[in-house]
Structure formats: C-alpha cells, structure tokens
C-alpha cells in the first residue's frame, strides 16, 4: 500500500511541476492535451440521456462555455439550440385539390399546397427571439390534366421549372393550419425587414392573374422537367430540397409549402398540374436562440 501511495505522489508532483497533462500525446501543447487520431472526450452531463437540450443520436448539438467556465448546452436559456420539428413525412401523401399547383406560365406567384400529416406535431413555439433554421426535401408529381394517372403524362418536350418554398403562419386555430396570418416580416414586425426581399405572392388564383395573399418565402429551389415520351417518361417521385434561415420572435408557428410551375408556352399541352407531397417529405426546423 505504501508503495502505491509513493507512486501516486510522484505522479502528482510531476504533473504540478510541468503544469501540463498529455493523454495519448508525448508533447502536450496546452495544460490538458488529448491526442490520438481517434481520441474522444465524453461528458455525461451533456449527453441526450441527462440533458434535454441535447439533440440526440445522429445530430450535432452545440456546446457553450458559461461565465463560470462550465460546458453547457443551454446557459439558463440565454443561448442554445432547440429541435422544433423533425418529420420524415411532413405532408399527406395525396394527389388532391389541396396539394395541386396549376401551371400559370410566366406569371409571378406561388400557390399553397399540401397539408401536414400531423398538424399538432407540426406546430412549434418559440419562447424568445431566435434564428430559425429550416431544411426540407419535398416530393412532387406532374400531369397534363387534372386526373393524376400514368396515362396523363406530359409528352410535349417543353422545359418546365417546378419551384418550391416554405413560409410560416402564426397558429390561431389548433385545428386549421391555414387559419392564421402568414408571416411576412422578420421577427414578425410589420415595420421590420421583409423575409427574402418580400412580400411574395404565396397564393395565386387558378389562372395566375390575381394574388390572393402575400408572405415571406424561404428556401426557394426548383428543378427542370421535360418529357417527350408519354409512355416511358417519369412523372412521380421527384424531390426538391432547400435550406434557409429567418429571424422570428416569440409565438406559435407552423411551416407550410408553396409551389409553382413555370413554362414559356402555356398552350403547348394544356393546363399542367403538379402535386406536392405525393411521396415522403422531410422537414427539420431548429431554433438558434439569442439575446
């Protein structure tokens, strides 16, 4: 026993003498230097089991240092991240009038489309000002008539752009995602900065001649579509993806989708119809809180 005490004492003196500790390294560069190509450090108090602010397996959670030098995930709400929505199938898998987008040629504007599969789980509440991060992958299909069927594939060879985006509404009715007003300005301030240079038209009439509602659009993206072979051309299981950020204030919100079909010649094959949410749609919303 005395021999073990002597060894421990010698190590303690050596550490204090050099004021540096190296783990898996022979040349500590800092007071504590953990080396090795696969070395890791685990703090049990920061893991998902012990800390509800940890985003969980497969996700990255930011770690902060507070005024006391402690490693924290959320410094008493002053800083931190919160995973608000993480859905692997956000919109109903349906090709219905609620998910339909009418081709309007070169008219400027978008149409709302798609209903959340679980409205209650899709709503989220910000407790303070936050930078809201949004990431999505939304599916779509396209036909030359109102009837969504393989026999109604487009075959005119015209190049079209199918664009999608996301906007927020303030939740006023827990049973209706479209009842509340669309958010147009950052921090929901009517005298503030319009989102992405808006306001944007988020709801056009079916002919594309009148804008029915405006809002702030995020993560706008799109891709080209063309087909000249009615029998073999693809018409379903396409995906648009997008990421964006916006500053929002405290309140309860829901994210919804818009889309548009752009083509130079609207007379080429008739009234083209696209549908959002015909397959799985992923949506992730993360709050980056700040003072």
C-alpha atoms as a PDB file:
ATOM      1  CA  UNK A   1       0.000   0.000   0.000  1.00  0.00           C
ATOM      2  CA  UNK A   2       2.798   2.428   0.877  1.00  0.00           C
ATOM      3  CA  UNK A   3       4.445   1.745  -2.467  1.00  0.00           C
ATOM      4  CA  UNK A   4       1.231   2.702  -4.342  1.00  0.00           C
ATOM      5  CA  UNK A   5       0.981   5.906  -2.320  1.00  0.00           C
ATOM      6  CA  UNK A   6       4.547   6.793  -3.205  1.00  0.00           C
ATOM      7  CA  UNK A   7       3.906   6.227  -6.925  1.00  0.00           C
ATOM      8  CA  UNK A   8       0.745   8.371  -6.899  1.00  0.00           C
ATOM      9  CA  UNK A   9       2.555  11.116  -5.021  1.00  0.00           C
ATOM     10  CA  UNK A  10       5.370  11.082  -7.546  1.00  0.00           C
ATOM     11  CA  UNK A  11       2.919  11.424 -10.444  1.00  0.00           C
ATOM     12  CA  UNK A  12       1.121  14.289  -8.706  1.00  0.00           C
ATOM     13  CA  UNK A  13       4.388  16.152  -8.181  1.00  0.00           C
ATOM     14  CA  UNK A  14       5.397  15.572 -11.815  1.00  0.00           C
ATOM     15  CA  UNK A  15       2.099  16.979 -13.111  1.00  0.00           C
ATOM     16  CA  UNK A  16       2.327  20.043 -10.913  1.00  0.00           C
ATOM     17  CA  UNK A  17       5.935  20.593 -11.903  1.00  0.00           C
ATOM     18  CA  UNK A  18       5.191  20.752 -15.618  1.00  0.00           C
ATOM     19  CA  UNK A  19       1.651  22.227 -15.350  1.00  0.00           C
ATOM     20  CA  UNK A  20       0.712  20.145 -18.411  1.00  0.00           C
ATOM     21  CA  UNK A  21      -1.054  16.820 -18.854  1.00  0.00           C
ATOM     22  CA  UNK A  22      -0.924  14.790 -22.049  1.00  0.00           C
ATOM     23  CA  UNK A  23      -3.289  11.940 -22.911  1.00  0.00           C
ATOM     24  CA  UNK A  24      -2.304   9.904 -25.956  1.00  0.00           C
ATOM     25  CA  UNK A  25       0.347  12.509 -26.732  1.00  0.00           C
ATOM     26  CA  UNK A  26       4.029  12.918 -25.891  1.00  0.00           C
ATOM     27  CA  UNK A  27       4.108  16.672 -26.396  1.00  0.00           C
ATOM     28  CA  UNK A  28       1.234  18.496 -24.622  1.00  0.00           C
ATOM     29  CA  UNK A  29       0.602  21.873 -26.230  1.00  0.00           C
ATOM     30  CA  UNK A  30      -1.985  23.011 -23.697  1.00  0.00           C
ATOM     31  CA  UNK A  31      -2.489  22.470 -19.983  1.00  0.00           C
ATOM     32  CA  UNK A  32      -4.547  19.436 -20.988  1.00  0.00           C
ATOM     33  CA  UNK A  33      -3.800  17.920 -24.389  1.00  0.00           C
ATOM     34  CA  UNK A  34      -5.825  14.911 -25.591  1.00  0.00           C
ATOM     35  CA  UNK A  35      -4.167  13.396 -28.642  1.00  0.00           C
ATOM     36  CA  UNK A  36      -4.668  10.479 -30.997  1.00  0.00           C
ATOM     37  CA  UNK A  37      -6.345  10.173 -34.396  1.00  0.00           C
ATOM     38  CA  UNK A  38      -9.481   8.662 -32.859  1.00  0.00           C
ATOM     39  CA  UNK A  39      -9.390  10.150 -29.357  1.00  0.00           C
ATOM     40  CA  UNK A  40     -12.687  11.339 -27.888  1.00  0.00           C
ATOM     41  CA  UNK A  41     -13.910  13.030 -24.728  1.00  0.00           C
ATOM     42  CA  UNK A  42     -17.304  12.316 -23.193  1.00  0.00           C
ATOM     43  CA  UNK A  43     -19.087  14.470 -20.625  1.00  0.00           C
ATOM     44  CA  UNK A  44     -22.033  12.534 -19.222  1.00  0.00           C
ATOM     45  CA  UNK A  45     -23.865  15.698 -18.192  1.00  0.00           C
ATOM     46  CA  UNK A  46     -24.108  16.789 -21.830  1.00  0.00           C
ATOM     47  CA  UNK A  47     -25.493  13.606 -23.365  1.00  0.00           C
ATOM     48  CA  UNK A  48     -29.066  13.093 -24.553  1.00  0.00           C
ATOM     49  CA  UNK A  49     -29.936  10.897 -21.567  1.00  0.00           C
ATOM     50  CA  UNK A  50     -29.073  13.522 -18.977  1.00  0.00           C
ATOM     51  CA  UNK A  51     -29.639  16.786 -20.836  1.00  0.00           C
ATOM     52  CA  UNK A  52     -32.911  17.503 -22.693  1.00  0.00           C
ATOM     53  CA  UNK A  53     -31.196  20.190 -24.802  1.00  0.00           C
ATOM     54  CA  UNK A  54     -29.057  17.522 -26.495  1.00  0.00           C
ATOM     55  CA  UNK A  55     -30.484  16.970 -29.990  1.00  0.00           C
ATOM     56  CA  UNK A  56     -29.912  13.227 -29.883  1.00  0.00           C
ATOM     57  CA  UNK A  57     -28.294  10.445 -31.896  1.00  0.00           C
ATOM     58  CA  UNK A  58     -27.052  11.367 -35.347  1.00  0.00           C
ATOM     59  CA  UNK A  59     -27.452  15.116 -34.772  1.00  0.00           C
ATOM     60  CA  UNK A  60     -24.982  17.811 -33.769  1.00  0.00           C
ATOM     61  CA  UNK A  61     -25.529  19.783 -30.564  1.00  0.00           C
ATOM     62  CA  UNK A  62     -23.543  22.932 -29.893  1.00  0.00           C
ATOM     63  CA  UNK A  63     -21.653  23.156 -26.610  1.00  0.00           C
ATOM     64  CA  UNK A  64     -21.125  26.556 -24.940  1.00  0.00           C
ATOM     65  CA  UNK A  65     -18.901  27.815 -22.125  1.00  0.00           C
ATOM     66  CA  UNK A  66     -20.669  29.908 -19.487  1.00  0.00           C
ATOM     67  CA  UNK A  67     -19.200  32.645 -17.259  1.00  0.00           C
ATOM     68  CA  UNK A  68     -18.027  30.025 -14.764  1.00  0.00           C
ATOM     69  CA  UNK A  69     -16.127  28.097 -17.414  1.00  0.00           C
ATOM     70  CA  UNK A  70     -18.624  25.232 -17.376  1.00  0.00           C
ATOM     71  CA  UNK A  71     -19.524  23.380 -20.570  1.00  0.00           C
ATOM     72  CA  UNK A  72     -23.273  23.758 -21.153  1.00  0.00           C
ATOM     73  CA  UNK A  73     -25.846  23.048 -23.870  1.00  0.00           C
ATOM     74  CA  UNK A  74     -28.200  25.831 -22.792  1.00  0.00           C
ATOM     75  CA  UNK A  75     -26.941  28.508 -20.412  1.00  0.00           C
ATOM     76  CA  UNK A  76     -30.202  29.068 -18.497  1.00  0.00           C
ATOM     77  CA  UNK A  77     -31.934  29.794 -21.778  1.00  0.00           C
ATOM     78  CA  UNK A  78     -29.511  32.561 -22.748  1.00  0.00           C
ATOM     79  CA  UNK A  79     -28.066  30.585 -25.625  1.00  0.00           C
ATOM     80  CA  UNK A  80     -28.800  27.224 -27.134  1.00  0.00           C
ATOM     81  CA  UNK A  81     -30.480  25.150 -29.775  1.00  0.00           C
ATOM     82  CA  UNK A  82     -33.882  23.531 -29.828  1.00  0.00           C
ATOM     83  CA  UNK A  83     -35.057  20.937 -32.333  1.00  0.00           C
ATOM     84  CA  UNK A  84     -38.603  22.104 -33.069  1.00  0.00           C
ATOM     85  CA  UNK A  85     -39.752  19.830 -35.911  1.00  0.00           C
ATOM     86  CA  UNK A  86     -38.106  16.691 -37.282  1.00  0.00           C
ATOM     87  CA  UNK A  87     -40.522  14.896 -39.603  1.00  0.00           C
ATOM     88  CA  UNK A  88     -39.727  12.176 -42.113  1.00  0.00           C
ATOM     89  CA  UNK A  89     -43.116  12.526 -43.834  1.00  0.00           C
ATOM     90  CA  UNK A  90     -44.390  16.044 -43.256  1.00  0.00           C
ATOM     91  CA  UNK A  91     -47.132  16.300 -45.901  1.00  0.00           C
ATOM     92  CA  UNK A  92     -50.028  13.974 -46.573  1.00  0.00           C
ATOM     93  CA  UNK A  93     -49.236  11.519 -49.382  1.00  0.00           C
ATOM     94  CA  UNK A  94     -52.058  12.691 -51.612  1.00  0.00           C
ATOM     95  CA  UNK A  95     -52.726  13.988 -55.121  1.00  0.00           C
ATOM     96  CA  UNK A  96     -55.819  16.037 -54.374  1.00  0.00           C
ATOM     97  CA  UNK A  97     -57.008  19.615 -54.989  1.00  0.00           C
ATOM     98  CA  UNK A  98     -55.393  20.568 -51.665  1.00  0.00           C
ATOM     99  CA  UNK A  99     -51.968  19.556 -52.963  1.00  0.00           C
ATOM    100  CA  UNK A 100     -52.403  20.703 -56.565  1.00  0.00           C
ATOM    101  CA  UNK A 101     -50.457  23.505 -58.270  1.00  0.00           C
ATOM    102  CA  UNK A 102     -51.757  24.965 -61.531  1.00  0.00           C
ATOM    103  CA  UNK A 103     -49.350  25.842 -64.316  1.00  0.00           C
ATOM    104  CA  UNK A 104     -49.541  29.586 -64.923  1.00  0.00           C
ATOM    105  CA  UNK A 105     -46.793  30.095 -67.471  1.00  0.00           C
ATOM    106  CA  UNK A 106     -44.563  33.041 -66.644  1.00  0.00           C
ATOM    107  CA  UNK A 107     -46.955  34.675 -64.169  1.00  0.00           C
ATOM    108  CA  UNK A 108     -45.153  35.646 -60.969  1.00  0.00           C
ATOM    109  CA  UNK A 109     -46.542  33.979 -57.868  1.00  0.00           C
ATOM    110  CA  UNK A 110     -46.919  30.744 -55.956  1.00  0.00           C
ATOM    111  CA  UNK A 111     -49.738  28.546 -54.688  1.00  0.00           C
ATOM    112  CA  UNK A 112     -50.055  26.977 -51.264  1.00  0.00           C
ATOM    113  CA  UNK A 113     -50.139  23.188 -51.459  1.00  0.00           C
ATOM    114  CA  UNK A 114     -50.205  20.192 -49.153  1.00  0.00           C
ATOM    115  CA  UNK A 115     -51.492  19.549 -45.646  1.00  0.00           C
ATOM    116  CA  UNK A 116     -49.321  18.438 -42.697  1.00  0.00           C
ATOM    117  CA  UNK A 117     -49.867  14.794 -41.776  1.00  0.00           C
ATOM    118  CA  UNK A 118     -49.934  15.728 -38.084  1.00  0.00           C
ATOM    119  CA  UNK A 119     -50.810  19.379 -37.548  1.00  0.00           C
ATOM    120  CA  UNK A 120     -50.391  19.231 -33.764  1.00  0.00           C
ATOM    121  CA  UNK A 121     -46.853  17.858 -34.078  1.00  0.00           C
ATOM    122  CA  UNK A 122     -46.037  20.323 -36.867  1.00  0.00           C
ATOM    123  CA  UNK A 123     -46.695  23.435 -34.772  1.00  0.00           C
ATOM    124  CA  UNK A 124     -43.880  24.833 -32.671  1.00  0.00           C
ATOM    125  CA  UNK A 125     -43.496  27.595 -30.093  1.00  0.00           C
ATOM    126  CA  UNK A 126     -40.562  29.991 -29.794  1.00  0.00           C
ATOM    127  CA  UNK A 127     -40.014  31.219 -26.248  1.00  0.00           C
ATOM    128  CA  UNK A 128     -37.814  34.149 -27.288  1.00  0.00           C
ATOM    129  CA  UNK A 129     -36.158  35.690 -30.336  1.00  0.00           C
ATOM    130  CA  UNK A 130     -34.470  33.055 -32.457  1.00  0.00           C
ATOM    131  CA  UNK A 131     -32.750  32.445 -35.746  1.00  0.00           C
ATOM    132  CA  UNK A 132     -34.847  29.631 -37.193  1.00  0.00           C
ATOM    133  CA  UNK A 133     -33.111  27.118 -39.446  1.00  0.00           C
ATOM    134  CA  UNK A 134     -35.218  25.165 -41.927  1.00  0.00           C
ATOM    135  CA  UNK A 135     -34.206  22.149 -44.041  1.00  0.00           C
ATOM    136  CA  UNK A 136     -36.600  20.281 -46.308  1.00  0.00           C
ATOM    137  CA  UNK A 137     -36.982  17.691 -49.028  1.00  0.00           C
ATOM    138  CA  UNK A 138     -40.415  17.796 -50.665  1.00  0.00           C
ATOM    139  CA  UNK A 139     -41.782  15.368 -53.266  1.00  0.00           C
ATOM    140  CA  UNK A 140     -43.845  16.244 -56.320  1.00  0.00           C
ATOM    141  CA  UNK A 141     -45.543  14.705 -59.333  1.00  0.00           C
ATOM    142  CA  UNK A 142     -46.746  16.268 -62.584  1.00  0.00           C
ATOM    143  CA  UNK A 143     -49.507  15.559 -65.160  1.00  0.00           C
ATOM    144  CA  UNK A 144     -51.089  17.186 -68.205  1.00  0.00           C
ATOM    145  CA  UNK A 145     -54.645  17.053 -66.817  1.00  0.00           C
ATOM    146  CA  UNK A 146     -56.469  17.278 -63.508  1.00  0.00           C
ATOM    147  CA  UNK A 147     -56.580  13.488 -63.318  1.00  0.00           C
ATOM    148  CA  UNK A 148     -53.345  12.162 -61.779  1.00  0.00           C
ATOM    149  CA  UNK A 149     -52.680   8.957 -63.694  1.00  0.00           C
ATOM    150  CA  UNK A 150     -49.797   7.384 -65.596  1.00  0.00           C
ATOM    151  CA  UNK A 151     -51.735   7.753 -68.870  1.00  0.00           C
ATOM    152  CA  UNK A 152     -51.757  11.533 -68.368  1.00  0.00           C
ATOM    153  CA  UNK A 153     -48.020  12.085 -68.509  1.00  0.00           C
ATOM    154  CA  UNK A 154     -46.695  15.185 -70.241  1.00  0.00           C
ATOM    155  CA  UNK A 155     -45.186  14.452 -73.675  1.00  0.00           C
ATOM    156  CA  UNK A 156     -44.720  17.844 -75.368  1.00  0.00           C
ATOM    157  CA  UNK A 157     -40.965  18.141 -74.689  1.00  0.00           C
ATOM    158  CA  UNK A 158     -41.320  21.652 -73.242  1.00  0.00           C
ATOM    159  CA  UNK A 159     -38.876  22.547 -70.453  1.00  0.00           C
ATOM    160  CA  UNK A 160     -40.624  23.490 -67.218  1.00  0.00           C
ATOM    161  CA  UNK A 161     -39.339  24.638 -63.841  1.00  0.00           C
ATOM    162  CA  UNK A 162     -41.073  23.277 -60.756  1.00  0.00           C
ATOM    163  CA  UNK A 163     -40.216  25.593 -57.865  1.00  0.00           C
ATOM    164  CA  UNK A 164     -40.980  25.110 -54.179  1.00  0.00           C
ATOM    165  CA  UNK A 165     -40.543  27.083 -50.983  1.00  0.00           C
ATOM    166  CA  UNK A 166     -41.619  27.305 -47.345  1.00  0.00           C
ATOM    167  CA  UNK A 167     -43.351  30.010 -45.339  1.00  0.00           C
ATOM    168  CA  UNK A 168     -44.660  30.345 -41.775  1.00  0.00           C
ATOM    169  CA  UNK A 169     -48.098  31.081 -40.406  1.00  0.00           C
ATOM    170  CA  UNK A 170     -48.945  32.118 -36.876  1.00  0.00           C
ATOM    171  CA  UNK A 171     -51.160  29.426 -35.338  1.00  0.00           C
ATOM    172  CA  UNK A 172     -54.548  30.792 -34.261  1.00  0.00           C
ATOM    173  CA  UNK A 173     -56.718  27.689 -34.661  1.00  0.00           C
ATOM    174  CA  UNK A 174     -55.261  24.348 -33.453  1.00  0.00           C
ATOM    175  CA  UNK A 175     -57.453  22.500 -35.981  1.00  0.00           C
ATOM    176  CA  UNK A 176     -56.661  24.550 -39.110  1.00  0.00           C
ATOM    177  CA  UNK A 177     -53.064  25.141 -40.294  1.00  0.00           C
ATOM    178  CA  UNK A 178     -54.187  27.832 -42.764  1.00  0.00           C
ATOM    179  CA  UNK A 179     -56.338  29.902 -40.393  1.00  0.00           C
ATOM    180  CA  UNK A 180     -53.593  32.150 -39.034  1.00  0.00           C
ATOM    181  CA  UNK A 181     -51.859  35.045 -40.828  1.00  0.00           C
ATOM    182  CA  UNK A 182     -48.794  34.425 -42.970  1.00  0.00           C
ATOM    183  CA  UNK A 183     -45.519  35.788 -41.596  1.00  0.00           C
ATOM    184  CA  UNK A 184     -44.099  38.367 -43.985  1.00  0.00           C
ATOM    185  CA  UNK A 185     -41.529  40.248 -41.912  1.00  0.00           C
ATOM    186  CA  UNK A 186     -38.593  39.025 -39.878  1.00  0.00           C
ATOM    187  CA  UNK A 187     -39.309  38.988 -36.130  1.00  0.00           C
ATOM    188  CA  UNK A 188     -42.974  39.327 -37.132  1.00  0.00           C
ATOM    189  CA  UNK A 189     -42.586  43.121 -37.133  1.00  0.00           C
ATOM    190  CA  UNK A 190     -44.757  44.962 -39.702  1.00  0.00           C
ATOM    191  CA  UNK A 191     -42.152  47.734 -39.851  1.00  0.00           C
ATOM    192  CA  UNK A 192     -39.192  45.352 -39.990  1.00  0.00           C
ATOM    193  CA  UNK A 193     -37.320  43.648 -42.797  1.00  0.00           C
ATOM    194  CA  UNK A 194     -39.392  41.641 -45.318  1.00  0.00           C
ATOM    195  CA  UNK A 195     -38.317  38.000 -45.485  1.00  0.00           C
ATOM    196  CA  UNK A 196     -36.073  37.365 -48.508  1.00  0.00           C
ATOM    197  CA  UNK A 197     -36.917  40.669 -50.170  1.00  0.00           C
ATOM    198  CA  UNK A 198     -40.676  40.084 -49.988  1.00  0.00           C
ATOM    199  CA  UNK A 199     -43.527  40.283 -49.652  1.00  0.00           C
ATOM    200  CA  UNK A 200     -44.030  37.392 -52.045  1.00  0.00           C
ATOM    201  CA  UNK A 201     -47.285  36.184 -53.534  1.00  0.00           C
ATOM    202  CA  UNK A 202     -47.926  32.859 -51.788  1.00  0.00           C
ATOM    203  CA  UNK A 203     -51.434  32.242 -53.097  1.00  0.00           C
ATOM    204  CA  UNK A 204     -52.416  32.911 -56.717  1.00  0.00           C
ATOM    205  CA  UNK A 205     -55.832  32.288 -58.215  1.00  0.00           C
ATOM    206  CA  UNK A 206     -56.096  29.313 -60.590  1.00  0.00           C
ATOM    207  CA  UNK A 207     -55.492  31.416 -63.701  1.00  0.00           C
ATOM    208  CA  UNK A 208     -52.444  33.157 -62.271  1.00  0.00           C
ATOM    209  CA  UNK A 209     -53.880  36.632 -62.716  1.00  0.00           C
ATOM    210  CA  UNK A 210     -54.605  37.693 -59.145  1.00  0.00           C
ATOM    211  CA  UNK A 211     -52.575  37.428 -55.949  1.00  0.00           C
ATOM    212  CA  UNK A 212     -54.797  36.390 -53.047  1.00  0.00           C
ATOM    213  CA  UNK A 213     -52.230  36.507 -50.230  1.00  0.00           C
ATOM    214  CA  UNK A 214     -48.610  37.529 -49.589  1.00  0.00           C
ATOM    215  CA  UNK A 215     -45.966  36.243 -47.192  1.00  0.00           C
ATOM    216  CA  UNK A 216     -42.266  35.647 -46.698  1.00  0.00           C
ATOM    217  CA  UNK A 217     -40.754  32.759 -48.645  1.00  0.00           C
ATOM    218  CA  UNK A 218     -37.767  30.690 -47.544  1.00  0.00           C
ATOM    219  CA  UNK A 219     -35.522  28.061 -49.124  1.00  0.00           C
ATOM    220  CA  UNK A 220     -36.730  28.648 -52.672  1.00  0.00           C
ATOM    221  CA  UNK A 221     -35.499  25.954 -55.008  1.00  0.00           C
ATOM    222  CA  UNK A 222     -36.535  24.093 -58.140  1.00  0.00           C
ATOM    223  CA  UNK A 223     -35.583  21.828 -60.999  1.00  0.00           C
ATOM    224  CA  UNK A 224     -36.287  21.426 -64.696  1.00  0.00           C
ATOM    225  CA  UNK A 225     -38.697  18.865 -66.078  1.00  0.00           C
ATOM    226  CA  UNK A 226     -39.265  17.787 -69.652  1.00  0.00           C
ATOM    227  CA  UNK A 227     -40.672  14.689 -71.336  1.00  0.00           C
ATOM    228  CA  UNK A 228     -41.391  13.830 -74.961  1.00  0.00           C
ATOM    229  CA  UNK A 229     -42.303  10.168 -74.420  1.00  0.00           C
ATOM    230  CA  UNK A 230     -45.740   9.727 -72.897  1.00  0.00           C
ATOM    231  CA  UNK A 231     -45.338   6.016 -72.165  1.00  0.00           C
ATOM    232  CA  UNK A 232     -41.867   5.928 -70.634  1.00  0.00           C
ATOM    233  CA  UNK A 233     -41.288   9.385 -69.190  1.00  0.00           C
ATOM    234  CA  UNK A 234     -41.078   9.820 -65.406  1.00  0.00           C
ATOM    235  CA  UNK A 235     -43.879  11.729 -63.711  1.00  0.00           C
ATOM    236  CA  UNK A 236     -43.634  10.928 -59.960  1.00  0.00           C
ATOM    237  CA  UNK A 237     -41.126  10.634 -57.106  1.00  0.00           C
ATOM    238  CA  UNK A 238     -39.264  13.857 -57.847  1.00  0.00           C
ATOM    239  CA  UNK A 239     -37.700  15.817 -54.958  1.00  0.00           C
ATOM    240  CA  UNK A 240     -36.887  19.459 -54.336  1.00  0.00           C
ATOM    241  CA  UNK A 241     -34.602  20.336 -51.426  1.00  0.00           C
ATOM    242  CA  UNK A 242     -33.799  23.597 -49.679  1.00  0.00           C
ATOM    243  CA  UNK A 243     -32.257  25.224 -46.591  1.00  0.00           C
ATOM    244  CA  UNK A 244     -32.629  28.727 -45.182  1.00  0.00           C
ATOM    245  CA  UNK A 245     -32.673  30.910 -42.050  1.00  0.00           C
ATOM    246  CA  UNK A 246     -35.030  33.568 -40.721  1.00  0.00           C
ATOM    247  CA  UNK A 247     -35.310  35.629 -37.517  1.00  0.00           C
ATOM    248  CA  UNK A 248     -38.618  35.101 -35.707  1.00  0.00           C
ATOM    249  CA  UNK A 249     -39.963  36.377 -32.406  1.00  0.00           C
ATOM    250  CA  UNK A 250     -41.808  34.520 -29.623  1.00  0.00           C
ATOM    251  CA  UNK A 251     -45.019  32.801 -30.686  1.00  0.00           C
ATOM    252  CA  UNK A 252     -46.527  29.617 -32.083  1.00  0.00           C
ATOM    253  CA  UNK A 253     -46.000  28.879 -35.781  1.00  0.00           C
ATOM    254  CA  UNK A 254     -46.451  26.246 -38.468  1.00  0.00           C
ATOM    255  CA  UNK A 255     -44.383  25.782 -41.643  1.00  0.00           C
ATOM    256  CA  UNK A 256     -46.242  25.274 -44.927  1.00  0.00           C
ATOM    257  CA  UNK A 257     -45.262  24.742 -48.558  1.00  0.00           C
ATOM    258  CA  UNK A 258     -45.841  26.636 -51.789  1.00  0.00           C
ATOM    259  CA  UNK A 259     -45.030  25.784 -55.407  1.00  0.00           C
ATOM    260  CA  UNK A 260     -45.287  26.985 -58.988  1.00  0.00           C
ATOM    261  CA  UNK A 261     -44.906  25.523 -62.487  1.00  0.00           C
ATOM    262  CA  UNK A 262     -43.115  27.863 -64.888  1.00  0.00           C
ATOM    263  CA  UNK A 263     -43.144  27.359 -68.677  1.00  0.00           C
ATOM    264  CA  UNK A 264     -42.661  29.683 -71.627  1.00  0.00           C
ATOM    265  CA  UNK A 265     -45.556  28.332 -73.728  1.00  0.00           C
ATOM    266  CA  UNK A 266     -48.688  27.521 -71.716  1.00  0.00           C
ATOM    267  CA  UNK A 267     -50.589  26.416 -74.842  1.00  0.00           C
ATOM    268  CA  UNK A 268     -48.215  23.585 -75.693  1.00  0.00           C
ATOM    269  CA  UNK A 269     -50.036  20.766 -73.910  1.00  0.00           C
ATOM    270  CA  UNK A 270     -52.841  22.318 -71.904  1.00  0.00           C
ATOM    271  CA  UNK A 271     -53.267  23.038 -68.210  1.00  0.00           C
ATOM    272  CA  UNK A 272     -50.399  21.228 -66.497  1.00  0.00           C
ATOM    273  CA  UNK A 273     -50.947  20.188 -62.878  1.00  0.00           C
ATOM    274  CA  UNK A 274     -48.264  19.448 -60.285  1.00  0.00           C
ATOM    275  CA  UNK A 275     -48.876  17.954 -56.850  1.00  0.00           C
ATOM    276  CA  UNK A 276     -46.770  18.486 -53.714  1.00  0.00           C
ATOM    277  CA  UNK A 277     -46.372  15.731 -51.155  1.00  0.00           C
ATOM    278  CA  UNK A 278     -47.158  12.734 -53.321  1.00  0.00           C
ATOM    279  CA  UNK A 279     -44.379  10.783 -51.578  1.00  0.00           C
ATOM    280  CA  UNK A 280     -42.349  11.122 -48.366  1.00  0.00           C
ATOM    281  CA  UNK A 281     -41.367  14.680 -47.416  1.00  0.00           C
ATOM    282  CA  UNK A 282     -38.751  15.537 -44.813  1.00  0.00           C
ATOM    283  CA  UNK A 283     -38.773  18.738 -42.783  1.00  0.00           C
ATOM    284  CA  UNK A 284     -36.465  19.841 -39.982  1.00  0.00           C
ATOM    285  CA  UNK A 285     -36.753  23.110 -38.076  1.00  0.00           C
ATOM    286  CA  UNK A 286     -34.170  24.176 -35.476  1.00  0.00           C
ATOM    287  CA  UNK A 287     -34.211  27.293 -33.258  1.00  0.00           C
ATOM    288  CA  UNK A 288     -30.934  29.100 -32.551  1.00  0.00           C
ATOM    289  CA  UNK A 289     -31.893  31.273 -29.566  1.00  0.00           C
ATOM    290  CA  UNK A 290     -30.096  34.519 -28.837  1.00  0.00           C
ATOM    291  CA  UNK A 291     -30.407  37.523 -26.555  1.00  0.00           C
END
